[in-house]
Amino acid sequence: NLDIIFAVDKSVSMAVRDVGTSRHEVMMKEIISFVSSPAVHDGDRLTLFAFSEKSNWRMPLSDDREEFLDKLLEVEHPKDRVYYDRSQLYTYFAGLLDHIPKALDMQDKQFLPGRFRGVVNWTSYPRVIFIFSDGDSIDGSLNVSLASFAKRGIKTYTIGLGTSQGGSIAIKTPAENDPKILEPTLIQSKLNMKALDLIKDKTGGKSYVVSSSSTQVQSFLAAAL
């Protein structure tokens, strides 16, 4: 069996519709199809991180696929395009790469052999990580976090969503000095694989680009397991 770690980008730009539909919708469809497929075996444990400027651990490792899918579907974009969480304006890969090992270490320590004897049968499994995002550029903080992260030896596969032409989306966010005022903002975004390619290079994984709603990433995901 395996521990399969999913990290999904929830930043505003994932709502851009340059892949036939929104990047977010394509991402969700592909992950749901994959988790529901025979490629994910009974007993494989799944966990979910949702990130933008901040990273959130949405559920610990579990072999409950239905719970995973429920938590995945909770990752949404507001239909009225009002983003009250300003952290969704940004993508911060360094924070994600710092968070994932800390979260997994926390769960491993909770289930040390014998601690919950007869209640939890916790076995160490090989781990693989999938990061779904429309990408970002490389900065110094990413290099520092990635150097530490790569020492874990967990192959990380990055799935880029979007096109080189990109697109835009009109949103509103609360003003920093007065949250009652909603300020209009036009977000322009195109796929940027620089950070995603660096992550896969340093961890021994691979990258895949989803540039249309008809692109099939299932074989890529299955080959990683």
Protein backbone atom coordinates (compact mmCIF):
# COMPACT_ATOMS: atom_id res chain seq x y z
CA ASN A 1 0.00 0.00 0.00
CA LEU A 2 0.88 3.68 -0.35
CA ASP A 3 0.35 7.01 1.33
CA ILE A 4 -0.90 9.37 -1.41
CA ILE A 5 -0.63 13.06 -0.59
CA PHE A 6 -2.67 15.53 -2.63
CA ALA A 7 -1.93 19.27 -2.51
CA VAL A 8 -4.44 21.44 -4.38
CA ASP A 9 -4.03 25.12 -5.25
CA LYS A 10 -6.99 27.19 -4.05
CA SER A 11 -5.65 30.59 -5.14
CA VAL A 12 -7.89 32.97 -7.11
CA SER A 13 -6.14 32.27 -10.41
CA MET A 14 -7.41 28.67 -10.36
CA ALA A 15 -10.85 30.09 -11.19
CA VAL A 16 -9.56 31.38 -14.56
CA ARG A 17 -11.37 29.65 -17.43
CA ASP A 18 -8.64 29.08 -20.02
CA VAL A 19 -8.89 25.28 -20.17
CA GLY A 20 -12.41 25.01 -21.56
CA THR A 21 -13.76 25.43 -18.04
CA SER A 22 -12.03 26.70 -14.90
CA ARG A 23 -8.69 25.27 -13.86
CA HIS A 24 -10.25 24.40 -10.52
CA GLU A 25 -13.06 22.39 -12.12
CA VAL A 26 -10.65 20.43 -14.31
CA MET A 27 -8.45 19.68 -11.30
CA MET A 28 -11.41 18.45 -9.25
CA LYS A 29 -12.68 16.23 -12.06
CA GLU A 30 -9.31 14.59 -12.56
CA ILE A 31 -8.66 13.96 -8.86
CA ILE A 32 -12.15 12.51 -8.31
CA SER A 33 -11.73 10.20 -11.31
CA PHE A 34 -8.32 9.06 -10.12
CA VAL A 35 -9.29 8.40 -6.50
CA SER A 36 -12.34 6.46 -7.70
CA SER A 37 -10.27 4.34 -10.11
CA PRO A 38 -8.62 0.93 -9.58
CA ALA A 39 -5.23 2.68 -9.57
CA VAL A 40 -5.90 3.62 -5.94
CA HIS A 41 -6.02 0.32 -4.04
CA ASP A 42 -8.04 -0.61 -0.99
CA GLY A 43 -5.85 0.18 1.99
CA ASP A 44 -4.01 3.07 0.34
CA ARG A 45 -4.14 6.10 2.62
CA LEU A 46 -5.04 9.54 1.29
CA THR A 47 -4.48 12.99 2.70
CA LEU A 48 -5.33 16.48 1.44
CA PHE A 49 -3.67 19.88 1.65
CA ALA A 50 -5.25 23.02 0.17
CA PHE A 51 -2.92 25.96 -0.30
CA SER A 52 -2.56 29.49 -1.58
CA GLU A 53 -0.47 31.92 0.45
CA LYS A 54 -1.30 29.68 3.42
CA SER A 55 -1.44 25.90 3.56
CA ASN A 56 -4.32 24.06 5.25
CA TRP A 57 -4.33 20.36 6.14
CA ARG A 58 -7.87 19.32 5.28
CA MET A 59 -7.68 15.73 6.53
CA PRO A 60 -5.04 13.35 7.95
CA LEU A 61 -3.98 10.18 6.19
CA SER A 62 -6.92 7.81 5.95
CA ASP A 63 -8.02 4.87 3.82
CA ASP A 64 -11.56 6.30 3.74
CA ARG A 65 -12.00 7.43 0.13
CA GLU A 66 -15.45 8.86 0.72
CA GLU A 67 -14.16 11.10 3.49
CA PHE A 68 -11.36 12.26 1.20
CA LEU A 69 -13.77 13.12 -1.60
CA ASP A 70 -16.02 14.98 0.85
CA LYS A 71 -13.07 17.08 2.04
CA LEU A 72 -11.95 17.69 -1.54
CA LEU A 73 -15.37 19.01 -2.53
CA GLU A 74 -15.19 21.51 0.32
CA VAL A 75 -12.40 23.30 -1.55
CA GLU A 76 -14.47 25.82 -3.51
CA HIS A 77 -14.35 29.26 -5.09
CA PRO A 78 -17.11 31.77 -4.25
CA LYS A 79 -19.78 31.91 -6.93
CA ASP A 80 -20.12 35.68 -6.49
CA ARG A 81 -16.33 36.03 -6.96
CA VAL A 82 -15.96 37.88 -3.65
CA TYR A 83 -12.79 36.62 -1.98
CA TYR A 84 -12.88 37.52 1.70
CA ASP A 85 -9.70 35.56 2.31
CA ARG A 86 -7.00 37.79 0.83
CA SER A 87 -4.44 35.00 1.16
CA GLN A 88 -6.08 33.43 -1.90
CA LEU A 89 -4.58 36.21 -4.01
CA TYR A 90 -1.17 34.57 -3.77
CA THR A 91 0.57 31.20 -4.17
CA TYR A 92 3.34 30.27 -1.74
CA PHE A 93 4.98 26.94 -2.49
CA ALA A 94 7.62 27.33 0.23
CA GLY A 95 4.91 27.38 2.88
CA LEU A 96 3.34 24.23 1.45
CA LEU A 97 6.65 22.36 1.37
CA ASP A 98 7.33 23.34 4.98
CA HIS A 99 3.83 22.32 6.08
CA ILE A 100 3.50 18.87 4.51
CA PRO A 101 6.39 17.19 6.44
CA LYS A 102 5.36 18.80 9.73
CA ALA A 103 1.77 17.59 9.35
CA LEU A 104 2.76 14.04 8.40
CA ASP A 105 5.31 13.87 11.23
CA MET A 106 2.57 14.92 13.65
CA GLN A 107 0.33 12.06 12.55
CA ASP A 108 3.17 9.53 12.60
CA LYS A 109 4.02 10.49 16.19
CA GLN A 110 0.37 10.23 17.23
CA PHE A 111 0.30 6.61 16.09
CA LEU A 112 3.63 5.33 17.36
CA PRO A 113 3.74 1.52 17.52
CA GLY A 114 1.81 0.31 20.52
CA ARG A 115 0.38 3.67 21.52
CA PHE A 116 -3.12 2.75 20.39
CA ARG A 117 -2.73 -1.03 20.42
CA GLY A 118 -5.90 -2.74 19.29
CA VAL A 119 -7.37 0.53 18.06
CA VAL A 120 -5.06 1.74 15.30
CA ASN A 121 -2.81 -0.50 13.23
CA TRP A 122 -0.36 2.10 11.94
CA THR A 123 2.20 0.88 9.42
CA SER A 124 4.70 3.02 7.54
CA TYR A 125 3.95 3.06 3.81
CA PRO A 126 5.93 4.48 0.88
CA ARG A 127 4.72 7.99 0.06
CA VAL A 128 4.03 9.93 -3.12
CA ILE A 129 2.92 13.54 -3.51
CA PHE A 130 0.79 15.15 -6.22
CA ILE A 131 0.71 18.96 -6.43
CA PHE A 132 -2.01 20.49 -8.61
CA SER A 133 -1.49 24.18 -9.42
CA ASP A 134 -1.25 26.81 -12.15
CA GLY A 135 2.24 27.49 -10.86
CA ASP A 136 4.39 30.42 -9.86
CA SER A 137 7.88 31.81 -10.31
CA ILE A 138 10.88 30.76 -8.21
CA ASP A 139 12.05 32.82 -5.25
CA GLY A 140 14.67 32.39 -2.55
CA SER A 141 12.24 31.01 0.01
CA LEU A 142 11.29 28.16 -2.31
CA ASN A 143 14.92 27.14 -2.78
CA VAL A 144 15.46 27.05 0.99
CA SER A 145 12.29 25.05 1.74
CA LEU A 146 12.86 22.70 -1.19
CA ALA A 147 16.39 21.87 -0.06
CA SER A 148 15.01 20.57 3.24
CA PHE A 149 11.93 18.98 1.69
CA ALA A 150 13.94 17.01 -0.89
CA LYS A 151 15.87 15.25 1.89
CA ARG A 152 12.65 13.39 2.74
CA GLY A 153 13.05 11.37 -0.44
CA ILE A 154 9.36 11.58 -1.37
CA LYS A 155 8.85 11.75 -5.13
CA THR A 156 6.66 14.70 -5.95
CA TYR A 157 4.65 14.87 -9.17
CA THR A 158 3.44 18.27 -10.27
CA ILE A 159 0.39 18.84 -12.45
CA GLY A 160 0.23 22.27 -14.07
CA LEU A 161 -3.22 23.58 -15.01
CA GLY A 162 -3.66 26.39 -17.53
CA THR A 163 -2.36 27.65 -20.83
CA SER A 164 0.58 29.77 -21.94
CA GLN A 165 -1.93 32.36 -23.24
CA GLY A 166 -3.73 32.42 -19.92
CA GLY A 167 -6.86 34.36 -19.07
CA SER A 168 -8.37 36.77 -16.58
CA ILE A 169 -11.06 36.88 -13.92
CA ALA A 170 -12.79 39.85 -12.29
CA ILE A 171 -13.10 39.52 -8.52
CA LYS A 172 -13.75 41.63 -5.45
CA THR A 173 -11.80 41.66 -2.19
CA PRO A 174 -12.28 43.56 1.08
CA ALA A 175 -10.20 46.72 1.29
CA GLU A 176 -7.25 46.31 3.65
CA ASN A 177 -8.07 49.50 5.56
CA ASP A 178 -11.85 48.91 5.62
CA PRO A 179 -13.10 45.31 5.17
CA LYS A 180 -16.66 46.59 4.62
CA ILE A 181 -15.59 48.04 1.27
CA LEU A 182 -15.26 45.57 -1.60
CA GLU A 183 -12.64 46.57 -4.14
CA PRO A 184 -12.82 45.28 -7.73
CA THR A 185 -9.68 43.60 -9.06
CA LEU A 186 -8.87 42.03 -12.42
CA ILE A 187 -6.65 38.98 -12.02
CA GLN A 188 -4.64 38.00 -15.08
CA SER A 189 -2.90 34.64 -15.02
CA LYS A 190 -1.16 32.17 -17.28
CA LEU A 191 0.44 28.82 -16.55
CA ASN A 192 3.90 29.17 -14.99
CA MET A 193 5.72 25.85 -14.64
CA LYS A 194 9.00 27.22 -13.23
CA ALA A 195 8.36 26.40 -9.56
CA LEU A 196 6.52 23.16 -10.38
CA ASP A 197 9.37 21.93 -12.59
CA LEU A 198 11.94 22.77 -9.92
CA ILE A 199 9.98 20.82 -7.31
CA LYS A 200 9.76 17.72 -9.45
CA ASP A 201 13.43 17.96 -10.48
CA LYS A 202 14.65 18.15 -6.88
CA THR A 203 12.45 15.28 -5.67
CA GLY A 204 12.83 12.85 -8.58
CA GLY A 205 9.23 13.21 -9.77
CA LYS A 206 7.73 14.28 -13.07
CA SER A 207 5.51 17.07 -14.39
CA TYR A 208 2.40 17.06 -16.54
CA VAL A 209 0.51 19.96 -18.11
CA VAL A 210 -3.28 20.01 -18.36
CA SER A 211 -4.08 22.65 -20.97
CA SER A 212 -7.65 21.73 -21.85
CA SER A 213 -10.68 20.14 -20.24
CA SER A 214 -10.26 17.13 -22.52
CA THR A 215 -6.66 16.43 -21.46
CA GLN A 216 -6.38 13.08 -19.71
CA VAL A 217 -3.95 13.02 -16.80
CA GLN A 218 -5.13 9.66 -15.42
CA SER A 219 -2.36 7.59 -16.99
CA PHE A 220 0.26 10.02 -15.66
CA LEU A 221 -1.13 9.76 -12.13
CA ALA A 222 -1.46 5.97 -12.25
CA ALA A 223 2.13 5.55 -13.50
CA ALA A 224 3.39 7.42 -10.44
CA LEU A 225 2.03 4.81 -8.03
